[in-house]
Amino acid sequence: RGVVRELTERTAEQLRRMGLGARIVVLKVRDAHFEQLTRQRALRQMTELADPLRRTAESLLDDLLAAPTAPWAGRQIRLLGVRVGGLAPLARQLE
């Protein structure tokens, strides 16, 4: 979870710097045997904030590790990655 938090904070910072928002969060996991799974989930609304990105990535990780047929049981994770998709410029409404 600490790695997911760090990755999503860095990703959110990059989105803010570029003035972009993301609509899709992708989690990539590779184990010590180099078996890899990728899962993604669409957000309800576009964001550049770390918290919604982190919650979604953690949920994907929880789903992956809790699956009854999870090949990850007892294996060490070699690579954990978070990326975003569905990028677009953020439109802000002025008050």
PDB file of N, CA and C in Angstrom:
ATOM      1  N   ARG A   1       0.817  -1.198   0.000  1.00  0.00           N
ATOM      2  CA  ARG A   1       0.000   0.000   0.000  1.00  0.00           C
ATOM      3  C   ARG A   1       0.861   1.263   0.000  1.00  0.00           C
ATOM      4  N   GLY A   2       2.004   1.185   0.658  1.00  0.00           N
ATOM      5  CA  GLY A   2       2.912   2.329   0.659  1.00  0.00           C
ATOM      6  C   GLY A   2       3.431   2.642  -0.730  1.00  0.00           C
ATOM      7  N   VAL A   3       3.713   1.613  -1.498  1.00  0.00           N
ATOM      8  CA  VAL A   3       4.197   1.805  -2.871  1.00  0.00           C
ATOM      9  C   VAL A   3       3.076   2.388  -3.731  1.00  0.00           C
ATOM     10  N   VAL A   4       1.859   1.891  -3.562  1.00  0.00           N
ATOM     11  CA  VAL A   4       0.716   2.424  -4.323  1.00  0.00           C
ATOM     12  C   VAL A   4       0.523   3.895  -3.997  1.00  0.00           C
ATOM     13  N   ARG A   5       0.636   4.251  -2.714  1.00  0.00           N
ATOM     14  CA  ARG A   5       0.476   5.660  -2.323  1.00  0.00           C
ATOM     15  C   ARG A   5       1.538   6.531  -3.000  1.00  0.00           C
ATOM     16  N   GLU A   6       2.773   6.085  -2.957  1.00  0.00           N
ATOM     17  CA  GLU A   6       3.862   6.851  -3.575  1.00  0.00           C
ATOM     18  C   GLU A   6       3.662   7.002  -5.082  1.00  0.00           C
ATOM     19  N   LEU A   7       3.284   5.919  -5.738  1.00  0.00           N
ATOM     20  CA  LEU A   7       3.089   5.966  -7.188  1.00  0.00           C
ATOM     21  C   LEU A   7       1.944   6.893  -7.579  1.00  0.00           C
ATOM     22  N   THR A   8       0.851   6.833  -6.836  1.00  0.00           N
ATOM     23  CA  THR A   8      -0.295   7.681  -7.183  1.00  0.00           C
ATOM     24  C   THR A   8      -0.006   9.146  -6.880  1.00  0.00           C
ATOM     25  N   GLU A   9       0.758   9.419  -5.822  1.00  0.00           N
ATOM     26  CA  GLU A   9       1.120  10.817  -5.540  1.00  0.00           C
ATOM     27  C   GLU A   9       2.003  11.384  -6.651  1.00  0.00           C
ATOM     28  N   ARG A  10       2.964  10.597  -7.111  1.00  0.00           N
ATOM     29  CA  ARG A  10       3.825  11.067  -8.211  1.00  0.00           C
ATOM     30  C   ARG A  10       3.021  11.242  -9.495  1.00  0.00           C
ATOM     31  N   THR A  11       2.108  10.323  -9.758  1.00  0.00           N
ATOM     32  CA  THR A  11       1.275  10.415 -10.958  1.00  0.00           C
ATOM     33  C   THR A  11       0.386  11.651 -10.897  1.00  0.00           C
ATOM     34  N   ALA A  12      -0.215  11.898  -9.738  1.00  0.00           N
ATOM     35  CA  ALA A  12      -1.080  13.072  -9.578  1.00  0.00           C
ATOM     36  C   ALA A  12      -0.286  14.358  -9.776  1.00  0.00           C
ATOM     37  N   GLU A  13       0.930  14.401  -9.261  1.00  0.00           N
ATOM     38  CA  GLU A  13       1.778  15.580  -9.428  1.00  0.00           C
ATOM     39  C   GLU A  13       2.070  15.830 -10.912  1.00  0.00           C
ATOM     40  N   GLN A  14       2.362  14.772 -11.651  1.00  0.00           N
ATOM     41  CA  GLN A  14       2.617  14.915 -13.089  1.00  0.00           C
ATOM     42  C   GLN A  14       1.364  15.405 -13.817  1.00  0.00           C
ATOM     43  N   LEU A  15       0.207  14.884 -13.443  1.00  0.00           N
ATOM     44  CA  LEU A  15      -1.040  15.335 -14.070  1.00  0.00           C
ATOM     45  C   LEU A  15      -1.260  16.821 -13.817  1.00  0.00           C
ATOM     46  N   ARG A  16      -1.062  17.257 -12.583  1.00  0.00           N
ATOM     47  CA  ARG A  16      -1.260  18.679 -12.258  1.00  0.00           C
ATOM     48  C   ARG A  16      -0.288  19.566 -13.034  1.00  0.00           C
ATOM     49  N   ARG A  17       0.971  19.126 -13.109  1.00  0.00           N
ATOM     50  CA  ARG A  17       1.970  19.910 -13.856  1.00  0.00           C
ATOM     51  C   ARG A  17       1.571  20.076 -15.317  1.00  0.00           C
ATOM     52  N   MET A  18       0.984  19.045 -15.888  1.00  0.00           N
ATOM     53  CA  MET A  18       0.609  19.092 -17.305  1.00  0.00           C
ATOM     54  C   MET A  18      -0.795  19.624 -17.521  1.00  0.00           C
ATOM     55  N   GLY A  19      -1.534  19.907 -16.448  1.00  0.00           N
ATOM     56  CA  GLY A  19      -2.889  20.428 -16.568  1.00  0.00           C
ATOM     57  C   GLY A  19      -3.866  19.408 -17.113  1.00  0.00           C
ATOM     58  N   LEU A  20      -3.615  18.138 -16.801  1.00  0.00           N
ATOM     59  CA  LEU A  20      -4.454  17.061 -17.316  1.00  0.00           C
ATOM     60  C   LEU A  20      -5.191  16.356 -16.184  1.00  0.00           C
ATOM     61  N   GLY A  21      -6.286  15.726 -16.557  1.00  0.00           N
ATOM     62  CA  GLY A  21      -7.017  14.860 -15.653  1.00  0.00           C
ATOM     63  C   GLY A  21      -7.075  13.469 -16.256  1.00  0.00           C
ATOM     64  N   ALA A  22      -7.258  12.468 -15.401  1.00  0.00           N
ATOM     65  CA  ALA A  22      -7.319  11.081 -15.852  1.00  0.00           C
ATOM     66  C   ALA A  22      -8.693  10.506 -15.548  1.00  0.00           C
ATOM     67  N   ARG A  23      -9.109   9.590 -16.380  1.00  0.00           N
ATOM     68  CA  ARG A  23     -10.410   8.942 -16.203  1.00  0.00           C
ATOM     69  C   ARG A  23     -10.248   7.451 -15.900  1.00  0.00           C
ATOM     70  N   ILE A  24      -9.076   6.882 -16.173  1.00  0.00           N
ATOM     71  CA  ILE A  24      -8.845   5.449 -16.003  1.00  0.00           C
ATOM     72  C   ILE A  24      -7.589   5.234 -15.160  1.00  0.00           C
ATOM     73  N   VAL A  25      -7.671   4.308 -14.203  1.00  0.00           N
ATOM     74  CA  VAL A  25      -6.521   3.915 -13.385  1.00  0.00           C
ATOM     75  C   VAL A  25      -6.173   2.478 -13.743  1.00  0.00           C
ATOM     76  N   VAL A  26      -4.893   2.228 -13.987  1.00  0.00           N
ATOM     77  CA  VAL A  26      -4.411   0.900 -14.373  1.00  0.00           C
ATOM     78  C   VAL A  26      -3.386   0.440 -13.341  1.00  0.00           C
ATOM     79  N   LEU A  27      -3.554  -0.790 -12.857  1.00  0.00           N
ATOM     80  CA  LEU A  27      -2.609  -1.395 -11.923  1.00  0.00           C
ATOM     81  C   LEU A  27      -1.929  -2.563 -12.610  1.00  0.00           C
ATOM     82  N   LYS A  28      -0.609  -2.608 -12.513  1.00  0.00           N
ATOM     83  CA  LYS A  28       0.177  -3.680 -13.125  1.00  0.00           C
ATOM     84  C   LYS A  28       0.963  -4.366 -12.019  1.00  0.00           C
ATOM     85  N   VAL A  29       0.873  -5.699 -11.971  1.00  0.00           N
ATOM     86  CA  VAL A  29       1.569  -6.481 -10.955  1.00  0.00           C
ATOM     87  C   VAL A  29       2.331  -7.602 -11.646  1.00  0.00           C
ATOM     88  N   ARG A  30       3.611  -7.750 -11.261  1.00  0.00           N
ATOM     89  CA  ARG A  30       4.433  -8.847 -11.770  1.00  0.00           C
ATOM     90  C   ARG A  30       5.030  -9.560 -10.569  1.00  0.00           C
ATOM     91  N   ASP A  31       4.992 -10.891 -10.590  1.00  0.00           N
ATOM     92  CA  ASP A  31       5.535 -11.643  -9.459  1.00  0.00           C
ATOM     93  C   ASP A  31       6.970 -12.078  -9.723  1.00  0.00           C
ATOM     94  N   ALA A  32       7.541 -12.800  -8.764  1.00  0.00           N
ATOM     95  CA  ALA A  32       8.936 -13.227  -8.867  1.00  0.00           C
ATOM     96  C   ALA A  32       9.166 -14.190 -10.027  1.00  0.00           C
ATOM     97  N   HIS A  33       8.093 -14.828 -10.524  1.00  0.00           N
ATOM     98  CA  HIS A  33       8.194 -15.743 -11.667  1.00  0.00           C
ATOM     99  C   HIS A  33       7.936 -15.023 -12.991  1.00  0.00           C
ATOM    100  N   PHE A  34       7.859 -13.685 -12.931  1.00  0.00           N
ATOM    101  CA  PHE A  34       7.616 -12.824 -14.095  1.00  0.00           C
ATOM    102  C   PHE A  34       6.232 -13.016 -14.703  1.00  0.00           C
ATOM    103  N   GLU A  35       5.303 -13.589 -13.942  1.00  0.00           N
ATOM    104  CA  GLU A  35       3.911 -13.625 -14.386  1.00  0.00           C
ATOM    105  C   GLU A  35       3.317 -12.255 -14.093  1.00  0.00           C
ATOM    106  N   GLN A  36       2.543 -11.759 -15.023  1.00  0.00           N
ATOM    107  CA  GLN A  36       2.062 -10.390 -14.927  1.00  0.00           C
ATOM    108  C   GLN A  36       0.558 -10.329 -15.116  1.00  0.00           C
ATOM    109  N   LEU A  37      -0.090  -9.479 -14.333  1.00  0.00           N
ATOM    110  CA  LEU A  37      -1.510  -9.193 -14.496  1.00  0.00           C
ATOM    111  C   LEU A  37      -1.686  -7.678 -14.520  1.00  0.00           C
ATOM    112  N   THR A  38      -2.619  -7.233 -15.324  1.00  0.00           N
ATOM    113  CA  THR A  38      -2.953  -5.819 -15.405  1.00  0.00           C
ATOM    114  C   THR A  38      -4.459  -5.690 -15.255  1.00  0.00           C
ATOM    115  N   ARG A  39      -4.866  -4.777 -14.403  1.00  0.00           N
ATOM    116  CA  ARG A  39      -6.284  -4.508 -14.195  1.00  0.00           C
ATOM    117  C   ARG A  39      -6.509  -3.010 -14.297  1.00  0.00           C
ATOM    118  N   GLN A  40      -7.691  -2.632 -14.762  1.00  0.00           N
ATOM    119  CA  GLN A  40      -7.994  -1.205 -14.862  1.00  0.00           C
ATOM    120  C   GLN A  40      -9.432  -0.951 -14.443  1.00  0.00           C
ATOM    121  N   ARG A  41      -9.679   0.293 -14.046  1.00  0.00           N
ATOM    122  CA  ARG A  41     -11.025   0.700 -13.631  1.00  0.00           C
ATOM    123  C   ARG A  41     -11.228   2.151 -14.028  1.00  0.00           C
ATOM    124  N   ALA A  42     -12.406   2.444 -14.527  1.00  0.00           N
ATOM    125  CA  ALA A  42     -12.755   3.824 -14.892  1.00  0.00           C
ATOM    126  C   ALA A  42     -13.268   4.561 -13.659  1.00  0.00           C
ATOM    127  N   LEU A  43     -12.880   5.808 -13.555  1.00  0.00           N
ATOM    128  CA  LEU A  43     -13.356   6.673 -12.483  1.00  0.00           C
ATOM    129  C   LEU A  43     -14.678   7.301 -12.885  1.00  0.00           C
ATOM    130  N   ARG A  44     -15.456   7.710 -11.901  1.00  0.00           N
ATOM    131  CA  ARG A  44     -16.741   8.359 -12.200  1.00  0.00           C
ATOM    132  C   ARG A  44     -16.539   9.713 -12.867  1.00  0.00           C
ATOM    133  N   GLN A  45     -15.477  10.400 -12.446  1.00  0.00           N
ATOM    134  CA  GLN A  45     -15.172  11.687 -13.078  1.00  0.00           C
ATOM    135  C   GLN A  45     -13.666  11.854 -13.195  1.00  0.00           C
ATOM    136  N   MET A  46     -13.270  12.657 -14.121  1.00  0.00           N
ATOM    137  CA  MET A  46     -11.868  12.914 -14.373  1.00  0.00           C
ATOM    138  C   MET A  46     -11.250  13.610 -13.163  1.00  0.00           C
ATOM    139  N   THR A  47      -9.996  13.249 -12.854  1.00  0.00           N
ATOM    140  CA  THR A  47      -9.330  13.858 -11.699  1.00  0.00           C
ATOM    141  C   THR A  47      -7.833  13.957 -11.903  1.00  0.00           C
ATOM    142  N   GLU A  48      -7.226  14.871 -11.149  1.00  0.00           N
ATOM    143  CA  GLU A  48      -5.784  14.993 -11.083  1.00  0.00           C
ATOM    144  C   GLU A  48      -5.330  14.846  -9.631  1.00  0.00           C
ATOM    145  N   LEU A  49      -6.242  14.428  -8.761  1.00  0.00           N
ATOM    146  CA  LEU A  49      -5.973  14.314  -7.332  1.00  0.00           C
ATOM    147  C   LEU A  49      -5.465  12.924  -6.965  1.00  0.00           C
ATOM    148  N   ALA A  50      -4.519  12.878  -6.041  1.00  0.00           N
ATOM    149  CA  ALA A  50      -3.905  11.608  -5.644  1.00  0.00           C
ATOM    150  C   ALA A  50      -4.878  10.694  -4.919  1.00  0.00           C
ATOM    151  N   ASP A  51      -5.752  11.232  -4.090  1.00  0.00           N
ATOM    152  CA  ASP A  51      -6.609  10.388  -3.258  1.00  0.00           C
ATOM    153  C   ASP A  51      -7.537   9.469  -4.063  1.00  0.00           C
ATOM    154  N   PRO A  52      -8.287   9.981  -5.047  1.00  0.00           N
ATOM    155  CA  PRO A  52      -9.129   9.065  -5.825  1.00  0.00           C
ATOM    156  C   PRO A  52      -8.305   8.067  -6.640  1.00  0.00           C
ATOM    157  N   LEU A  53      -7.138   8.490  -7.115  1.00  0.00           N
ATOM    158  CA  LEU A  53      -6.275   7.569  -7.848  1.00  0.00           C
ATOM    159  C   LEU A  53      -5.778   6.461  -6.919  1.00  0.00           C
ATOM    160  N   ARG A  54      -5.371   6.842  -5.701  1.00  0.00           N
ATOM    161  CA  ARG A  54      -4.868   5.869  -4.724  1.00  0.00           C
ATOM    162  C   ARG A  54      -5.963   4.882  -4.309  1.00  0.00           C
ATOM    163  N   ARG A  55      -7.140   5.407  -3.989  1.00  0.00           N
ATOM    164  CA  ARG A  55      -8.244   4.520  -3.571  1.00  0.00           C
ATOM    165  C   ARG A  55      -8.571   3.502  -4.654  1.00  0.00           C
ATOM    166  N   THR A  56      -8.584   3.943  -5.897  1.00  0.00           N
ATOM    167  CA  THR A  56      -8.902   3.040  -7.003  1.00  0.00           C
ATOM    168  C   THR A  56      -7.799   2.009  -7.195  1.00  0.00           C
ATOM    169  N   ALA A  57      -6.545   2.438  -7.159  1.00  0.00           N
ATOM    170  CA  ALA A  57      -5.428   1.501  -7.322  1.00  0.00           C
ATOM    171  C   ALA A  57      -5.395   0.493  -6.177  1.00  0.00           C
ATOM    172  N   GLU A  58      -5.648   0.944  -4.940  1.00  0.00           N
ATOM    173  CA  GLU A  58      -5.686   0.022  -3.805  1.00  0.00           C
ATOM    174  C   GLU A  58      -6.830  -0.977  -3.937  1.00  0.00           C
ATOM    175  N   SER A  59      -7.960  -0.521  -4.431  1.00  0.00           N
ATOM    176  CA  SER A  59      -9.101  -1.414  -4.637  1.00  0.00           C
ATOM    177  C   SER A  59      -8.776  -2.481  -5.685  1.00  0.00           C
ATOM    178  N   LEU A  60      -8.119  -2.079  -6.756  1.00  0.00           N
ATOM    179  CA  LEU A  60      -7.701  -3.041  -7.779  1.00  0.00           C
ATOM    180  C   LEU A  60      -6.730  -4.065  -7.197  1.00  0.00           C
ATOM    181  N   LEU A  61      -5.789  -3.601  -6.381  1.00  0.00           N
ATOM    182  CA  LEU A  61      -4.827  -4.504  -5.748  1.00  0.00           C
ATOM    183  C   LEU A  61      -5.532  -5.458  -4.792  1.00  0.00           C
ATOM    184  N   ASP A  62      -6.447  -4.947  -3.989  1.00  0.00           N
ATOM    185  CA  ASP A  62      -7.204  -5.798  -3.068  1.00  0.00           C
ATOM    186  C   ASP A  62      -7.990  -6.864  -3.824  1.00  0.00           C
ATOM    187  N   ASP A  63      -8.655  -6.454  -4.904  1.00  0.00           N
ATOM    188  CA  ASP A  63      -9.422  -7.410  -5.715  1.00  0.00           C
ATOM    189  C   ASP A  63      -8.518  -8.496  -6.294  1.00  0.00           C
ATOM    190  N   LEU A  64      -7.359  -8.091  -6.745  1.00  0.00           N
ATOM    191  CA  LEU A  64      -6.414  -9.014  -7.355  1.00  0.00           C
ATOM    192  C   LEU A  64      -5.898 -10.035  -6.338  1.00  0.00           C
ATOM    193  N   LEU A  65      -5.550  -9.559  -5.151  1.00  0.00           N
ATOM    194  CA  LEU A  65      -4.982 -10.442  -4.142  1.00  0.00           C
ATOM    195  C   LEU A  65      -6.034 -11.285  -3.425  1.00  0.00           C
ATOM    196  N   ALA A  66      -7.283 -10.826  -3.433  1.00  0.00           N
ATOM    197  CA  ALA A  66      -8.347 -11.551  -2.730  1.00  0.00           C
ATOM    198  C   ALA A  66      -9.073 -12.564  -3.611  1.00  0.00           C
ATOM    199  N   ALA A  67      -8.769 -12.573  -4.893  1.00  0.00           N
ATOM    200  CA  ALA A  67      -9.457 -13.497  -5.803  1.00  0.00           C
ATOM    201  C   ALA A  67      -9.214 -14.941  -5.350  1.00  0.00           C
ATOM    202  N   PRO A  68     -10.272 -15.772  -5.361  1.00  0.00           N
ATOM    203  CA  PRO A  68     -10.123 -17.153  -4.897  1.00  0.00           C
ATOM    204  C   PRO A  68      -9.089 -17.943  -5.690  1.00  0.00           C
ATOM    205  N   THR A  69      -8.904 -17.596  -6.930  1.00  0.00           N
ATOM    206  CA  THR A  69      -7.927 -18.308  -7.763  1.00  0.00           C
ATOM    207  C   THR A  69      -6.671 -17.474  -7.967  1.00  0.00           C
ATOM    208  N   ALA A  70      -6.386 -16.599  -7.014  1.00  0.00           N
ATOM    209  CA  ALA A  70      -5.243 -15.694  -7.138  1.00  0.00           C
ATOM    210  C   ALA A  70      -3.935 -16.477  -7.241  1.00  0.00           C
ATOM    211  N   PRO A  71      -3.213 -16.292  -8.339  1.00  0.00           N
ATOM    212  CA  PRO A  71      -1.926 -16.959  -8.459  1.00  0.00           C
ATOM    213  C   PRO A  71      -0.869 -16.305  -7.579  1.00  0.00           C
ATOM    214  N   TRP A  72      -1.245 -15.230  -6.907  1.00  0.00           N
ATOM    215  CA  TRP A  72      -0.276 -14.433  -6.153  1.00  0.00           C
ATOM    216  C   TRP A  72      -0.125 -14.922  -4.717  1.00  0.00           C
ATOM    217  N   ALA A  73      -0.969 -15.848  -4.285  1.00  0.00           N
ATOM    218  CA  ALA A  73      -0.904 -16.314  -2.896  1.00  0.00           C
ATOM    219  C   ALA A  73       0.478 -16.880  -2.599  1.00  0.00           C
ATOM    220  N   GLY A  74       1.148 -16.300  -1.626  1.00  0.00           N
ATOM    221  CA  GLY A  74       2.457 -16.778  -1.217  1.00  0.00           C
ATOM    222  C   GLY A  74       3.615 -16.347  -2.102  1.00  0.00           C
ATOM    223  N   ARG A  75       3.345 -15.603  -3.151  1.00  0.00           N
ATOM    224  CA  ARG A  75       4.421 -15.151  -4.044  1.00  0.00           C
ATOM    225  C   ARG A  75       4.808 -13.718  -3.717  1.00  0.00           C
ATOM    226  N   GLN A  76       6.052 -13.410  -3.968  1.00  0.00           N
ATOM    227  CA  GLN A  76       6.508 -12.047  -3.773  1.00  0.00           C
ATOM    228  C   GLN A  76       6.232 -11.230  -5.027  1.00  0.00           C
ATOM    229  N   ILE A  77       5.846  -9.999  -4.817  1.00  0.00           N
ATOM    230  CA  ILE A  77       5.602  -9.084  -5.934  1.00  0.00           C
ATOM    231  C   ILE A  77       6.932  -8.460  -6.334  1.00  0.00           C
ATOM    232  N   ARG A  78       7.250  -8.601  -7.607  1.00  0.00           N
ATOM    233  CA  ARG A  78       8.501  -8.080  -8.143  1.00  0.00           C
ATOM    234  C   ARG A  78       8.331  -6.657  -8.673  1.00  0.00           C
ATOM    235  N   LEU A  79       7.177  -6.382  -9.261  1.00  0.00           N
ATOM    236  CA  LEU A  79       6.924  -5.079  -9.869  1.00  0.00           C
ATOM    237  C   LEU A  79       5.494  -4.676  -9.578  1.00  0.00           C
ATOM    238  N   LEU A  80       5.310  -3.438  -9.211  1.00  0.00           N
ATOM    239  CA  LEU A  80       3.990  -2.875  -8.999  1.00  0.00           C
ATOM    240  C   LEU A  80       3.971  -1.540  -9.714  1.00  0.00           C
ATOM    241  N   GLY A  81       3.024  -1.363 -10.610  1.00  0.00           N
ATOM    242  CA  GLY A  81       2.954  -0.122 -11.368  1.00  0.00           C
ATOM    243  C   GLY A  81       1.557   0.445 -11.391  1.00  0.00           C
ATOM    244  N   VAL A  82       1.483   1.754 -11.416  1.00  0.00           N
ATOM    245  CA  VAL A  82       0.207   2.459 -11.541  1.00  0.00           C
ATOM    246  C   VAL A  82       0.354   3.430 -12.695  1.00  0.00           C
ATOM    247  N   ARG A  83      -0.606   3.393 -13.585  1.00  0.00           N
ATOM    248  CA  ARG A  83      -0.629   4.389 -14.653  1.00  0.00           C
ATOM    249  C   ARG A  83      -2.057   4.851 -14.845  1.00  0.00           C
ATOM    250  N   VAL A  84      -2.219   5.910 -15.580  1.00  0.00           N
ATOM    251  CA  VAL A  84      -3.541   6.462 -15.818  1.00  0.00           C
ATOM    252  C   VAL A  84      -3.783   6.579 -17.316  1.00  0.00           C
ATOM    253  N   GLY A  85      -5.041   6.614 -17.682  1.00  0.00           N
ATOM    254  CA  GLY A  85      -5.427   6.758 -19.083  1.00  0.00           C
ATOM    255  C   GLY A  85      -6.643   7.653 -19.183  1.00  0.00           C
ATOM    256  N   GLY A  86      -7.123   7.791 -20.383  1.00  0.00           N
ATOM    257  CA  GLY A  86      -8.275   8.666 -20.607  1.00  0.00           C
ATOM    258  C   GLY A  86      -7.948  10.103 -20.252  1.00  0.00           C
ATOM    259  N   LEU A  87      -6.764  10.537 -20.656  1.00  0.00           N
ATOM    260  CA  LEU A  87      -6.282  11.867 -20.296  1.00  0.00           C
ATOM    261  C   LEU A  87      -6.948  12.957 -21.135  1.00  0.00           C
ATOM    262  N   ALA A  88      -7.203  14.078 -20.490  1.00  0.00           N
ATOM    263  CA  ALA A  88      -7.760  15.242 -21.178  1.00  0.00           C
ATOM    264  C   ALA A  88      -7.448  16.475 -20.344  1.00  0.00           C
ATOM    265  N   PRO A  89      -7.400  17.632 -20.994  1.00  0.00           N
ATOM    266  CA  PRO A  89      -7.177  18.858 -20.229  1.00  0.00           C
ATOM    267  C   PRO A  89      -8.314  19.055 -19.221  1.00  0.00           C
ATOM    268  N   LEU A  90      -7.941  19.529 -18.042  1.00  0.00           N
ATOM    269  CA  LEU A  90      -8.934  19.789 -17.015  1.00  0.00           C
ATOM    270  C   LEU A  90      -9.644  21.100 -17.316  1.00  0.00           C
ATOM    271  N   ALA A  91     -10.949  21.072 -17.256  1.00  0.00           N
ATOM    272  CA  ALA A  91     -11.747  22.276 -17.418  1.00  0.00           C
ATOM    273  C   ALA A  91     -12.227  22.688 -16.037  1.00  0.00           C
ATOM    274  N   ARG A  92     -11.922  23.887 -15.644  1.00  0.00           N
ATOM    275  CA  ARG A  92     -12.305  24.396 -14.334  1.00  0.00           C
ATOM    276  C   ARG A  92     -13.386  25.460 -14.505  1.00  0.00           C
ATOM    277  N   GLN A  93     -14.409  25.358 -13.665  1.00  0.00           N
ATOM    278  CA  GLN A  93     -15.462  26.360 -13.683  1.00  0.00           C
ATOM    279  C   GLN A  93     -15.115  27.447 -12.685  1.00  0.00           C
ATOM    280  N   LEU A  94     -15.154  28.670 -13.132  1.00  0.00           N
ATOM    281  CA  LEU A  94     -14.876  29.806 -12.255  1.00  0.00           C
ATOM    282  C   LEU A  94     -16.102  30.140 -11.430  1.00  0.00           C
ATOM    283  N   GLU A  95     -15.845  30.553 -10.191  1.00  0.00           N
ATOM    284  CA  GLU A  95     -16.965  30.920  -9.321  1.00  0.00           C
ATOM    285  C   GLU A  95     -17.238  32.400  -9.412  1.00  0.00           C
TER     286      GLU A  95
END
